[in-house]
Each structure stands twice: as structure tokens, then as C-alpha cells.
Amino acid sequence: MSFIDEDYVNIVPQDLLERGIRLREEYGIYGIAWRFDDVMEVLKIARDRDMLIVGGDVYRLSGNEPIITYDCWCTNEGDDNAFEVAIEYITKYRARNGDDFAYCPVICPGRVSK
């Protein structure tokens, strides 16, 4: 089961949470998207807490309004390199497309298999 937007209150600092773009109103998705620097911080926090990342979605930003791009990445649950896959995907996406995007990682509680 992946985290929903309300779960992040217990995971990320308040200032980072406030910079997130909640997707519930626009799309009915109980997730949060972050701009590049912030999503990198969220991924590091999740990795440091031994959480699982199974993928994520990309949103184009028009102002601060998210528009779904239908671009995404995924990994097999428990992949040892899931965080590296996410970081590489997001970094390359930004390099190709610019900064007007936000990324909504799918993070689950649990430990990465070793």
C-alpha cells in the first residue's frame, strides 16, 4: 500500500510538505508532486527511512497547476536500485524538458530487499 498525501505529514519536514502540490482536488489522487529539488529531497528522506519506491508520475506545471503528462517510471517492488532508477529518470526528464514539471513518487512503507 502506497502513502497518501496525509501520510507525508509524518515523513517530510513541514516546509517541504508546504511546497508540495497536492493532487487530490485536481485529479482525485491522494498524492503530492514536488518540483525537482524538492522531490530529490523527498526521495532521500524515504531512502534513509528504508521505504520502498515503486515508481512515480510526471506533471507539467502551468503556474502552480499540475497537468498530467502521462509520463511515468516504475520499478519492481523491492528492487535494490529503485531509488537510483527514480533519481536517474527525474534527472534525465528535467534535462530533456526543463523545470516546469513536478514529480509524484509512489512510496510505500517497508524495507528494500537486500
PDB file of N, CA and C in Angstrom:
ATOM      1  N   MET A   1       0.846  -1.181   0.000  1.00  0.00           N
ATOM      2  CA  MET A   1       0.000   0.000   0.000  1.00  0.00           C
ATOM      3  C   MET A   1       0.887   1.237   0.000  1.00  0.00           C
ATOM      4  N   SER A   2       0.637   2.152  -0.911  1.00  0.00           N
ATOM      5  CA  SER A   2       1.478   3.345  -1.009  1.00  0.00           C
ATOM      6  C   SER A   2       0.951   4.438  -0.090  1.00  0.00           C
ATOM      7  N   PHE A   3       1.852   5.370   0.198  1.00  0.00           N
ATOM      8  CA  PHE A   3       1.484   6.505   1.030  1.00  0.00           C
ATOM      9  C   PHE A   3       0.493   7.391   0.293  1.00  0.00           C
ATOM     10  N   ILE A   4      -0.387   8.011   1.058  1.00  0.00           N
ATOM     11  CA  ILE A   4      -1.260   9.038   0.507  1.00  0.00           C
ATOM     12  C   ILE A   4      -0.763  10.379   1.024  1.00  0.00           C
ATOM     13  N   ASP A   5      -1.328  11.447   0.497  1.00  0.00           N
ATOM     14  CA  ASP A   5      -0.841  12.782   0.843  1.00  0.00           C
ATOM     15  C   ASP A   5      -0.774  13.021   2.347  1.00  0.00           C
ATOM     16  N   GLU A   6      -1.735  12.551   3.099  1.00  0.00           N
ATOM     17  CA  GLU A   6      -1.755  12.786   4.539  1.00  0.00           C
ATOM     18  C   GLU A   6      -0.636  12.044   5.272  1.00  0.00           C
ATOM     19  N   ASP A   7      -0.160  10.945   4.712  1.00  0.00           N
ATOM     20  CA  ASP A   7       0.935  10.190   5.334  1.00  0.00           C
ATOM     21  C   ASP A   7       2.244  10.961   5.339  1.00  0.00           C
ATOM     22  N   TYR A   8       2.425  11.854   4.386  1.00  0.00           N
ATOM     23  CA  TYR A   8       3.680  12.587   4.288  1.00  0.00           C
ATOM     24  C   TYR A   8       3.907  13.526   5.470  1.00  0.00           C
ATOM     25  N   VAL A   9       2.863  13.857   6.209  1.00  0.00           N
ATOM     26  CA  VAL A   9       2.995  14.707   7.397  1.00  0.00           C
ATOM     27  C   VAL A   9       3.993  14.088   8.372  1.00  0.00           C
ATOM     28  N   ASN A  10       4.029  12.776   8.450  1.00  0.00           N
ATOM     29  CA  ASN A  10       4.918  12.085   9.381  1.00  0.00           C
ATOM     30  C   ASN A  10       6.274  11.754   8.767  1.00  0.00           C
ATOM     31  N   ILE A  11       6.500  12.136   7.519  1.00  0.00           N
ATOM     32  CA  ILE A  11       7.708  11.727   6.816  1.00  0.00           C
ATOM     33  C   ILE A  11       8.610  12.908   6.472  1.00  0.00           C
ATOM     34  N   VAL A  12       8.042  13.969   5.935  1.00  0.00           N
ATOM     35  CA  VAL A  12       8.853  15.086   5.450  1.00  0.00           C
ATOM     36  C   VAL A  12       8.664  16.321   6.337  1.00  0.00           C
ATOM     37  N   PRO A  13       9.677  17.191   6.380  1.00  0.00           N
ATOM     38  CA  PRO A  13       9.546  18.426   7.155  1.00  0.00           C
ATOM     39  C   PRO A  13       8.396  19.293   6.642  1.00  0.00           C
ATOM     40  N   GLN A  14       7.839  20.088   7.518  1.00  0.00           N
ATOM     41  CA  GLN A  14       6.675  20.913   7.200  1.00  0.00           C
ATOM     42  C   GLN A  14       6.923  21.840   6.011  1.00  0.00           C
ATOM     43  N   ASP A  15       8.087  22.474   5.941  1.00  0.00           N
ATOM     44  CA  ASP A  15       8.339  23.398   4.833  1.00  0.00           C
ATOM     45  C   ASP A  15       8.353  22.674   3.486  1.00  0.00           C
ATOM     46  N   LEU A  16       8.882  21.468   3.472  1.00  0.00           N
ATOM     47  CA  LEU A  16       8.890  20.662   2.251  1.00  0.00           C
ATOM     48  C   LEU A  16       7.465  20.227   1.900  1.00  0.00           C
ATOM     49  N   LEU A  17       6.707  19.863   2.886  1.00  0.00           N
ATOM     50  CA  LEU A  17       5.312  19.483   2.689  1.00  0.00           C
ATOM     51  C   LEU A  17       4.513  20.646   2.090  1.00  0.00           C
ATOM     52  N   GLU A  18       4.754  21.841   2.590  1.00  0.00           N
ATOM     53  CA  GLU A  18       4.026  23.019   2.106  1.00  0.00           C
ATOM     54  C   GLU A  18       4.370  23.373   0.667  1.00  0.00           C
ATOM     55  N   ARG A  19       5.569  23.038   0.230  1.00  0.00           N
ATOM     56  CA  ARG A  19       5.951  23.306  -1.162  1.00  0.00           C
ATOM     57  C   ARG A  19       5.402  22.269  -2.130  1.00  0.00           C
ATOM     58  N   GLY A  20       4.900  21.174  -1.618  1.00  0.00           N
ATOM     59  CA  GLY A  20       4.329  20.131  -2.460  1.00  0.00           C
ATOM     60  C   GLY A  20       3.022  20.566  -3.100  1.00  0.00           C
ATOM     61  N   ILE A  21       2.715  19.949  -4.214  1.00  0.00           N
ATOM     62  CA  ILE A  21       1.491  20.253  -4.955  1.00  0.00           C
ATOM     63  C   ILE A  21       0.547  19.072  -4.766  1.00  0.00           C
ATOM     64  N   ARG A  22      -0.505  19.302  -4.019  1.00  0.00           N
ATOM     65  CA  ARG A  22      -1.463  18.232  -3.735  1.00  0.00           C
ATOM     66  C   ARG A  22      -2.323  17.976  -4.972  1.00  0.00           C
ATOM     67  N   LEU A  23      -2.511  16.713  -5.259  1.00  0.00           N
ATOM     68  CA  LEU A  23      -3.205  16.313  -6.484  1.00  0.00           C
ATOM     69  C   LEU A  23      -4.652  15.899  -6.233  1.00  0.00           C
ATOM     70  N   ARG A  24      -5.067  15.945  -5.000  1.00  0.00           N
ATOM     71  CA  ARG A  24      -6.399  15.452  -4.635  1.00  0.00           C
ATOM     72  C   ARG A  24      -7.510  16.245  -5.297  1.00  0.00           C
ATOM     73  N   GLU A  25      -7.452  17.573  -5.213  1.00  0.00           N
ATOM     74  CA  GLU A  25      -8.532  18.389  -5.763  1.00  0.00           C
ATOM     75  C   GLU A  25      -8.625  18.290  -7.277  1.00  0.00           C
ATOM     76  N   GLU A  26      -7.485  18.374  -7.941  1.00  0.00           N
ATOM     77  CA  GLU A  26      -7.456  18.391  -9.402  1.00  0.00           C
ATOM     78  C   GLU A  26      -7.761  17.026 -10.018  1.00  0.00           C
ATOM     79  N   TYR A  27      -7.185  15.973  -9.423  1.00  0.00           N
ATOM     80  CA  TYR A  27      -7.271  14.649 -10.047  1.00  0.00           C
ATOM     81  C   TYR A  27      -7.887  13.567  -9.170  1.00  0.00           C
ATOM     82  N   GLY A  28      -8.178  13.870  -7.931  1.00  0.00           N
ATOM     83  CA  GLY A  28      -8.697  12.842  -7.032  1.00  0.00           C
ATOM     84  C   GLY A  28      -7.632  11.841  -6.629  1.00  0.00           C
ATOM     85  N   ILE A  29      -6.365  12.226  -6.823  1.00  0.00           N
ATOM     86  CA  ILE A  29      -5.237  11.363  -6.467  1.00  0.00           C
ATOM     87  C   ILE A  29      -4.721  11.812  -5.115  1.00  0.00           C
ATOM     88  N   TYR A  30      -4.601  10.893  -4.196  1.00  0.00           N
ATOM     89  CA  TYR A  30      -4.166  11.223  -2.849  1.00  0.00           C
ATOM     90  C   TYR A  30      -2.639  11.212  -2.780  1.00  0.00           C
ATOM     91  N   GLY A  31      -2.033  12.025  -3.624  1.00  0.00           N
ATOM     92  CA  GLY A  31      -0.583  12.113  -3.701  1.00  0.00           C
ATOM     93  C   GLY A  31      -0.139  13.555  -3.721  1.00  0.00           C
ATOM     94  N   ILE A  32       1.181  13.738  -3.647  1.00  0.00           N
ATOM     95  CA  ILE A  32       1.783  15.066  -3.689  1.00  0.00           C
ATOM     96  C   ILE A  32       2.897  15.033  -4.725  1.00  0.00           C
ATOM     97  N   ALA A  33       2.939  16.048  -5.561  1.00  0.00           N
ATOM     98  CA  ALA A  33       4.022  16.201  -6.533  1.00  0.00           C
ATOM     99  C   ALA A  33       4.926  17.332  -6.056  1.00  0.00           C
ATOM    100  N   TRP A  34       6.205  17.178  -6.356  1.00  0.00           N
ATOM    101  CA  TRP A  34       7.179  18.203  -5.986  1.00  0.00           C
ATOM    102  C   TRP A  34       8.013  18.576  -7.195  1.00  0.00           C
ATOM    103  N   ARG A  35       8.476  19.814  -7.199  1.00  0.00           N
ATOM    104  CA  ARG A  35       9.441  20.249  -8.204  1.00  0.00           C
ATOM    105  C   ARG A  35      10.756  19.496  -7.989  1.00  0.00           C
ATOM    106  N   PHE A  36      11.670  19.624  -8.935  1.00  0.00           N
ATOM    107  CA  PHE A  36      12.886  18.819  -8.971  1.00  0.00           C
ATOM    108  C   PHE A  36      13.652  18.775  -7.646  1.00  0.00           C
ATOM    109  N   ASP A  37      14.098  19.906  -7.136  1.00  0.00           N
ATOM    110  CA  ASP A  37      14.927  19.902  -5.923  1.00  0.00           C
ATOM    111  C   ASP A  37      14.190  19.275  -4.742  1.00  0.00           C
ATOM    112  N   ASP A  38      12.911  19.585  -4.625  1.00  0.00           N
ATOM    113  CA  ASP A  38      12.134  19.057  -3.505  1.00  0.00           C
ATOM    114  C   ASP A  38      11.890  17.559  -3.620  1.00  0.00           C
ATOM    115  N   VAL A  39      11.605  17.065  -4.834  1.00  0.00           N
ATOM    116  CA  VAL A  39      11.372  15.625  -4.969  1.00  0.00           C
ATOM    117  C   VAL A  39      12.657  14.856  -4.683  1.00  0.00           C
ATOM    118  N   MET A  40      13.804  15.438  -5.030  1.00  0.00           N
ATOM    119  CA  MET A  40      15.072  14.781  -4.714  1.00  0.00           C
ATOM    120  C   MET A  40      15.241  14.656  -3.204  1.00  0.00           C
ATOM    121  N   GLU A  41      14.843  15.682  -2.482  1.00  0.00           N
ATOM    122  CA  GLU A  41      14.908  15.634  -1.019  1.00  0.00           C
ATOM    123  C   GLU A  41      13.935  14.596  -0.460  1.00  0.00           C
ATOM    124  N   VAL A  42      12.735  14.540  -1.002  1.00  0.00           N
ATOM    125  CA  VAL A  42      11.749  13.548  -0.569  1.00  0.00           C
ATOM    126  C   VAL A  42      12.286  12.128  -0.802  1.00  0.00           C
ATOM    127  N   LEU A  43      12.880  11.892  -1.961  1.00  0.00           N
ATOM    128  CA  LEU A  43      13.440  10.570  -2.256  1.00  0.00           C
ATOM    129  C   LEU A  43      14.543  10.198  -1.275  1.00  0.00           C
ATOM    130  N   LYS A  44      15.401  11.155  -0.949  1.00  0.00           N
ATOM    131  CA  LYS A  44      16.482  10.886   0.005  1.00  0.00           C
ATOM    132  C   LYS A  44      15.932  10.566   1.386  1.00  0.00           C
ATOM    133  N   ILE A  45      14.916  11.302   1.810  1.00  0.00           N
ATOM    134  CA  ILE A  45      14.297  11.040   3.116  1.00  0.00           C
ATOM    135  C   ILE A  45      13.709   9.634   3.135  1.00  0.00           C
ATOM    136  N   ALA A  46      12.981   9.289   2.084  1.00  0.00           N
ATOM    137  CA  ALA A  46      12.361   7.955   2.013  1.00  0.00           C
ATOM    138  C   ALA A  46      13.433   6.863   2.007  1.00  0.00           C
ATOM    139  N   ARG A  47      14.500   7.071   1.245  1.00  0.00           N
ATOM    140  CA  ARG A  47      15.586   6.082   1.196  1.00  0.00           C
ATOM    141  C   ARG A  47      16.224   5.922   2.579  1.00  0.00           C
ATOM    142  N   ASP A  48      16.480   7.039   3.248  1.00  0.00           N
ATOM    143  CA  ASP A  48      17.101   6.993   4.569  1.00  0.00           C
ATOM    144  C   ASP A  48      16.224   6.296   5.605  1.00  0.00           C
ATOM    145  N   ARG A  49      14.920   6.275   5.359  1.00  0.00           N
ATOM    146  CA  ARG A  49      13.974   5.603   6.262  1.00  0.00           C
ATOM    147  C   ARG A  49      13.645   4.187   5.807  1.00  0.00           C
ATOM    148  N   ASP A  50      14.403   3.674   4.846  1.00  0.00           N
ATOM    149  CA  ASP A  50      14.226   2.313   4.330  1.00  0.00           C
ATOM    150  C   ASP A  50      12.835   2.058   3.761  1.00  0.00           C
ATOM    151  N   MET A  51      12.272   3.070   3.106  1.00  0.00           N
ATOM    152  CA  MET A  51      10.975   2.908   2.462  1.00  0.00           C
ATOM    153  C   MET A  51      11.185   2.410   1.038  1.00  0.00           C
ATOM    154  N   LEU A  52      10.137   1.931   0.430  1.00  0.00           N
ATOM    155  CA  LEU A  52      10.183   1.428  -0.940  1.00  0.00           C
ATOM    156  C   LEU A  52       9.670   2.495  -1.897  1.00  0.00           C
ATOM    157  N   ILE A  53      10.291   2.591  -3.045  1.00  0.00           N
ATOM    158  CA  ILE A  53       9.749   3.416  -4.111  1.00  0.00           C
ATOM    159  C   ILE A  53       9.433   2.481  -5.265  1.00  0.00           C
ATOM    160  N   VAL A  54       8.224   2.589  -5.774  1.00  0.00           N
ATOM    161  CA  VAL A  54       7.795   1.671  -6.826  1.00  0.00           C
ATOM    162  C   VAL A  54       7.543   2.370  -8.154  1.00  0.00           C
ATOM    163  N   GLY A  55       7.702   3.697  -8.174  1.00  0.00           N
ATOM    164  CA  GLY A  55       7.516   4.440  -9.411  1.00  0.00           C
ATOM    165  C   GLY A  55       7.082   5.852  -9.140  1.00  0.00           C
ATOM    166  N   GLY A  56       6.502   6.471 -10.155  1.00  0.00           N
ATOM    167  CA  GLY A  56       6.023   7.832  -9.983  1.00  0.00           C
ATOM    168  C   GLY A  56       5.481   8.396 -11.281  1.00  0.00           C
ATOM    169  N   ASP A  57       4.844   9.544 -11.166  1.00  0.00           N
ATOM    170  CA  ASP A  57       4.206  10.216 -12.293  1.00  0.00           C
ATOM    171  C   ASP A  57       4.776  11.616 -12.457  1.00  0.00           C
ATOM    172  N   VAL A  58       4.659  12.138 -13.670  1.00  0.00           N
ATOM    173  CA  VAL A  58       5.157  13.464 -14.002  1.00  0.00           C
ATOM    174  C   VAL A  58       3.981  14.367 -14.344  1.00  0.00           C
ATOM    175  N   TYR A  59       4.042  15.606 -13.849  1.00  0.00           N
ATOM    176  CA  TYR A  59       3.025  16.617 -14.117  1.00  0.00           C
ATOM    177  C   TYR A  59       3.696  17.869 -14.660  1.00  0.00           C
ATOM    178  N   ARG A  60       3.151  18.409 -15.729  1.00  0.00           N
ATOM    179  CA  ARG A  60       3.607  19.712 -16.227  1.00  0.00           C
ATOM    180  C   ARG A  60       2.919  20.777 -15.395  1.00  0.00           C
ATOM    181  N   LEU A  61       3.651  21.828 -15.074  1.00  0.00           N
ATOM    182  CA  LEU A  61       3.080  22.890 -14.260  1.00  0.00           C
ATOM    183  C   LEU A  61       2.734  24.092 -15.122  1.00  0.00           C
ATOM    184  N   SER A  62       1.509  24.526 -14.990  1.00  0.00           N
ATOM    185  CA  SER A  62       1.058  25.762 -15.611  1.00  0.00           C
ATOM    186  C   SER A  62       0.805  26.703 -14.449  1.00  0.00           C
ATOM    187  N   GLY A  63       1.766  27.579 -14.179  1.00  0.00           N
ATOM    188  CA  GLY A  63       1.758  28.304 -12.916  1.00  0.00           C
ATOM    189  C   GLY A  63       2.090  27.280 -11.851  1.00  0.00           C
ATOM    190  N   ASN A  64       1.191  27.075 -10.936  1.00  0.00           N
ATOM    191  CA  ASN A  64       1.370  26.021  -9.933  1.00  0.00           C
ATOM    192  C   ASN A  64       0.312  24.932 -10.099  1.00  0.00           C
ATOM    193  N   GLU A  65      -0.384  24.962 -11.236  1.00  0.00           N
ATOM    194  CA  GLU A  65      -1.426  23.975 -11.505  1.00  0.00           C
ATOM    195  C   GLU A  65      -0.824  22.770 -12.232  1.00  0.00           C
ATOM    196  N   PRO A  66      -1.038  21.568 -11.698  1.00  0.00           N
ATOM    197  CA  PRO A  66      -0.482  20.377 -12.338  1.00  0.00           C
ATOM    198  C   PRO A  66      -1.344  19.895 -13.510  1.00  0.00           C
ATOM    199  N   ILE A  67      -0.675  19.534 -14.590  1.00  0.00           N
ATOM    200  CA  ILE A  67      -1.341  18.956 -15.757  1.00  0.00           C
ATOM    201  C   ILE A  67      -0.662  17.620 -16.021  1.00  0.00           C
ATOM    202  N   ILE A  68      -1.427  16.558 -15.996  1.00  0.00           N
ATOM    203  CA  ILE A  68      -0.840  15.228 -16.146  1.00  0.00           C
ATOM    204  C   ILE A  68      -0.197  15.083 -17.524  1.00  0.00           C
ATOM    205  N   THR A  69       0.994  14.504 -17.555  1.00  0.00           N
ATOM    206  CA  THR A  69       1.710  14.297 -18.815  1.00  0.00           C
ATOM    207  C   THR A  69       1.561  12.863 -19.320  1.00  0.00           C
ATOM    208  N   TYR A  70       1.140  11.977 -18.458  1.00  0.00           N
ATOM    209  CA  TYR A  70       1.076  10.538 -18.724  1.00  0.00           C
ATOM    210  C   TYR A  70       2.471   9.919 -18.831  1.00  0.00           C
ATOM    211  N   ASP A  71       3.493  10.677 -18.434  1.00  0.00           N
ATOM    212  CA  ASP A  71       4.844  10.133 -18.340  1.00  0.00           C
ATOM    213  C   ASP A  71       5.025   9.586 -16.934  1.00  0.00           C
ATOM    214  N   CYS A  72       5.732   8.468 -16.831  1.00  0.00           N
ATOM    215  CA  CYS A  72       5.913   7.855 -15.523  1.00  0.00           C
ATOM    216  C   CYS A  72       7.109   6.916 -15.541  1.00  0.00           C
ATOM    217  N   TRP A  73       7.491   6.478 -14.372  1.00  0.00           N
ATOM    218  CA  TRP A  73       8.526   5.453 -14.262  1.00  0.00           C
ATOM    219  C   TRP A  73       8.039   4.424 -13.257  1.00  0.00           C
ATOM    220  N   CYS A  74       8.584   3.227 -13.334  1.00  0.00           N
ATOM    221  CA  CYS A  74       8.214   2.204 -12.363  1.00  0.00           C
ATOM    222  C   CYS A  74       9.383   1.247 -12.160  1.00  0.00           C
ATOM    223  N   THR A  75       9.346   0.586 -11.027  1.00  0.00           N
ATOM    224  CA  THR A  75      10.334  -0.437 -10.702  1.00  0.00           C
ATOM    225  C   THR A  75       9.573  -1.614 -10.115  1.00  0.00           C
ATOM    226  N   ASN A  76      10.242  -2.724 -10.008  1.00  0.00           N
ATOM    227  CA  ASN A  76       9.646  -3.857  -9.310  1.00  0.00           C
ATOM    228  C   ASN A  76       9.788  -3.613  -7.820  1.00  0.00           C
ATOM    229  N   GLU A  77       8.716  -3.854  -7.083  1.00  0.00           N
ATOM    230  CA  GLU A  77       8.761  -3.639  -5.643  1.00  0.00           C
ATOM    231  C   GLU A  77       9.932  -4.409  -5.041  1.00  0.00           C
ATOM    232  N   GLY A  78      10.729  -3.700  -4.269  1.00  0.00           N
ATOM    233  CA  GLY A  78      11.867  -4.338  -3.622  1.00  0.00           C
ATOM    234  C   GLY A  78      13.154  -4.275  -4.409  1.00  0.00           C
ATOM    235  N   ASP A  79      13.138  -3.682  -5.624  1.00  0.00           N
ATOM    236  CA  ASP A  79      14.378  -3.544  -6.390  1.00  0.00           C
ATOM    237  C   ASP A  79      15.408  -2.785  -5.564  1.00  0.00           C
ATOM    238  N   ASP A  80      16.608  -3.324  -5.498  1.00  0.00           N
ATOM    239  CA  ASP A  80      17.665  -2.676  -4.736  1.00  0.00           C
ATOM    240  C   ASP A  80      18.024  -1.307  -5.307  1.00  0.00           C
ATOM    241  N   ASN A  81      17.839  -1.110  -6.603  1.00  0.00           N
ATOM    242  CA  ASN A  81      18.237   0.148  -7.229  1.00  0.00           C
ATOM    243  C   ASN A  81      17.048   1.066  -7.529  1.00  0.00           C
ATOM    244  N   ALA A  82      15.928   0.887  -6.865  1.00  0.00           N
ATOM    245  CA  ALA A  82      14.718   1.659  -7.156  1.00  0.00           C
ATOM    246  C   ALA A  82      14.932   3.157  -6.982  1.00  0.00           C
ATOM    247  N   PHE A  83      15.678   3.554  -5.961  1.00  0.00           N
ATOM    248  CA  PHE A  83      15.904   4.984  -5.751  1.00  0.00           C
ATOM    249  C   PHE A  83      16.802   5.553  -6.844  1.00  0.00           C
ATOM    250  N   GLU A  84      17.800   4.785  -7.253  1.00  0.00           N
ATOM    251  CA  GLU A  84      18.667   5.237  -8.332  1.00  0.00           C
ATOM    252  C   GLU A  84      17.886   5.357  -9.641  1.00  0.00           C
ATOM    253  N   VAL A  85      16.971   4.425  -9.888  1.00  0.00           N
ATOM    254  CA  VAL A  85      16.122   4.486 -11.081  1.00  0.00           C
ATOM    255  C   VAL A  85      15.280   5.763 -11.056  1.00  0.00           C
ATOM    256  N   ALA A  86      14.684   6.063  -9.915  1.00  0.00           N
ATOM    257  CA  ALA A  86      13.853   7.266  -9.792  1.00  0.00           C
ATOM    258  C   ALA A  86      14.683   8.525 -10.002  1.00  0.00           C
ATOM    259  N   ILE A  87      15.829   8.595  -9.360  1.00  0.00           N
ATOM    260  CA  ILE A  87      16.683   9.776  -9.477  1.00  0.00           C
ATOM    261  C   ILE A  87      17.156   9.953 -10.914  1.00  0.00           C
ATOM    262  N   GLU A  88      17.553   8.872 -11.560  1.00  0.00           N
ATOM    263  CA  GLU A  88      18.015   8.949 -12.945  1.00  0.00           C
ATOM    264  C   GLU A  88      16.883   9.382 -13.878  1.00  0.00           C
ATOM    265  N   TYR A  89      15.696   8.800 -13.699  1.00  0.00           N
ATOM    266  CA  TYR A  89      14.567   9.150 -14.561  1.00  0.00           C
ATOM    267  C   TYR A  89      14.235  10.635 -14.426  1.00  0.00           C
ATOM    268  N   ILE A  90      14.107  11.106 -13.182  1.00  0.00           N
ATOM    269  CA  ILE A  90      13.725  12.502 -12.937  1.00  0.00           C
ATOM    270  C   ILE A  90      14.800  13.453 -13.450  1.00  0.00           C
ATOM    271  N   THR A  91      16.058  13.127 -13.212  1.00  0.00           N
ATOM    272  CA  THR A  91      17.156  13.981 -13.660  1.00  0.00           C
ATOM    273  C   THR A  91      17.182  14.078 -15.184  1.00  0.00           C
ATOM    274  N   LYS A  92      17.037  12.954 -15.864  1.00  0.00           N
ATOM    275  CA  LYS A  92      17.019  12.968 -17.337  1.00  0.00           C
ATOM    276  C   LYS A  92      15.783  13.687 -17.870  1.00  0.00           C
ATOM    277  N   TYR A  93      14.650  13.490 -17.206  1.00  0.00           N
ATOM    278  CA  TYR A  93      13.415  14.147 -17.650  1.00  0.00           C
ATOM    279  C   TYR A  93      13.586  15.664 -17.589  1.00  0.00           C
ATOM    280  N   ARG A  94      14.135  16.124 -16.492  1.00  0.00           N
ATOM    281  CA  ARG A  94      14.368  17.566 -16.324  1.00  0.00           C
ATOM    282  C   ARG A  94      15.339  18.086 -17.386  1.00  0.00           C
ATOM    283  N   ALA A  95      16.412  17.348 -17.652  1.00  0.00           N
ATOM    284  CA  ALA A  95      17.404  17.773 -18.641  1.00  0.00           C
ATOM    285  C   ALA A  95      16.775  17.894 -20.033  1.00  0.00           C
ATOM    286  N   ARG A  96      15.868  16.987 -20.366  1.00  0.00           N
ATOM    287  CA  ARG A  96      15.219  16.997 -21.684  1.00  0.00           C
ATOM    288  C   ARG A  96      14.095  18.026 -21.788  1.00  0.00           C
ATOM    289  N   ASN A  97      13.396  18.262 -20.673  1.00  0.00           N
ATOM    290  CA  ASN A  97      12.141  19.014 -20.744  1.00  0.00           C
ATOM    291  C   ASN A  97      12.099  20.322 -19.973  1.00  0.00           C
ATOM    292  N   GLY A  98      13.070  20.579 -19.114  1.00  0.00           N
ATOM    293  CA  GLY A  98      13.088  21.833 -18.367  1.00  0.00           C
ATOM    294  C   GLY A  98      12.527  21.713 -16.958  1.00  0.00           C
ATOM    295  N   ASP A  99      12.329  22.869 -16.357  1.00  0.00           N
ATOM    296  CA  ASP A  99      11.973  22.933 -14.930  1.00  0.00           C
ATOM    297  C   ASP A  99      10.485  23.044 -14.630  1.00  0.00           C
ATOM    298  N   ASP A 100       9.644  23.159 -15.629  1.00  0.00           N
ATOM    299  CA  ASP A 100       8.218  23.376 -15.378  1.00  0.00           C
ATOM    300  C   ASP A 100       7.460  22.073 -15.162  1.00  0.00           C
ATOM    301  N   PHE A 101       8.041  21.195 -14.350  1.00  0.00           N
ATOM    302  CA  PHE A 101       7.433  19.900 -14.090  1.00  0.00           C
ATOM    303  C   PHE A 101       7.521  19.571 -12.606  1.00  0.00           C
ATOM    304  N   ALA A 102       6.594  18.728 -12.174  1.00  0.00           N
ATOM    305  CA  ALA A 102       6.606  18.221 -10.805  1.00  0.00           C
ATOM    306  C   ALA A 102       6.476  16.703 -10.887  1.00  0.00           C
ATOM    307  N   TYR A 103       7.007  16.039  -9.874  1.00  0.00           N
ATOM    308  CA  TYR A 103       7.103  14.583  -9.875  1.00  0.00           C
ATOM    309  C   TYR A 103       6.438  14.041  -8.615  1.00  0.00           C
ATOM    310  N   CYS A 104       5.595  13.054  -8.807  1.00  0.00           N
ATOM    311  CA  CYS A 104       4.861  12.443  -7.703  1.00  0.00           C
ATOM    312  C   CYS A 104       5.358  11.013  -7.511  1.00  0.00           C
ATOM    313  N   PRO A 105       6.294  10.806  -6.593  1.00  0.00           N
ATOM    314  CA  PRO A 105       6.792   9.446  -6.378  1.00  0.00           C
ATOM    315  C   PRO A 105       5.757   8.584  -5.667  1.00  0.00           C
ATOM    316  N   VAL A 106       5.764   7.304  -5.983  1.00  0.00           N
ATOM    317  CA  VAL A 106       4.916   6.338  -5.272  1.00  0.00           C
ATOM    318  C   VAL A 106       5.824   5.635  -4.261  1.00  0.00           C
ATOM    319  N   ILE A 107       5.614   5.978  -3.012  1.00  0.00           N
ATOM    320  CA  ILE A 107       6.463   5.480  -1.928  1.00  0.00           C
ATOM    321  C   ILE A 107       5.617   4.626  -0.999  1.00  0.00           C
ATOM    322  N   CYS A 108       6.196   3.517  -0.581  1.00  0.00           N
ATOM    323  CA  CYS A 108       5.498   2.573   0.302  1.00  0.00           C
ATOM    324  C   CYS A 108       6.329   2.333   1.550  1.00  0.00           C
ATOM    325  N   PRO A 109       5.681   2.043   2.666  1.00  0.00           N
ATOM    326  CA  PRO A 109       6.449   1.678   3.857  1.00  0.00           C
ATOM    327  C   PRO A 109       7.109   0.320   3.626  1.00  0.00           C
ATOM    328  N   GLY A 110       8.172   0.065   4.321  1.00  0.00           N
ATOM    329  CA  GLY A 110       8.828  -1.236   4.215  1.00  0.00           C
ATOM    330  C   GLY A 110      10.285  -1.092   3.928  1.00  0.00           C
ATOM    331  N   ARG A 111      10.975  -2.191   3.945  1.00  0.00           N
ATOM    332  CA  ARG A 111      12.405  -2.197   3.726  1.00  0.00           C
ATOM    333  C   ARG A 111      12.708  -2.735   2.342  1.00  0.00           C
ATOM    334  N   VAL A 112      13.731  -2.185   1.750  1.00  0.00           N
ATOM    335  CA  VAL A 112      14.198  -2.658   0.460  1.00  0.00           C
ATOM    336  C   VAL A 112      14.883  -3.998   0.676  1.00  0.00           C
ATOM    337  N   SER A 113      14.576  -4.986  -0.145  1.00  0.00           N
ATOM    338  CA  SER A 113      15.237  -6.287  -0.056  1.00  0.00           C
ATOM    339  C   SER A 113      16.715  -6.124  -0.369  1.00  0.00           C
ATOM    340  N   LYS A 114      17.528  -6.835   0.356  1.00  0.00           N
ATOM    341  CA  LYS A 114      18.977  -6.767   0.111  1.00  0.00           C
ATOM    342  C   LYS A 114      19.478  -8.120  -0.272  1.00  0.00           C
TER     343      LYS A 114
END
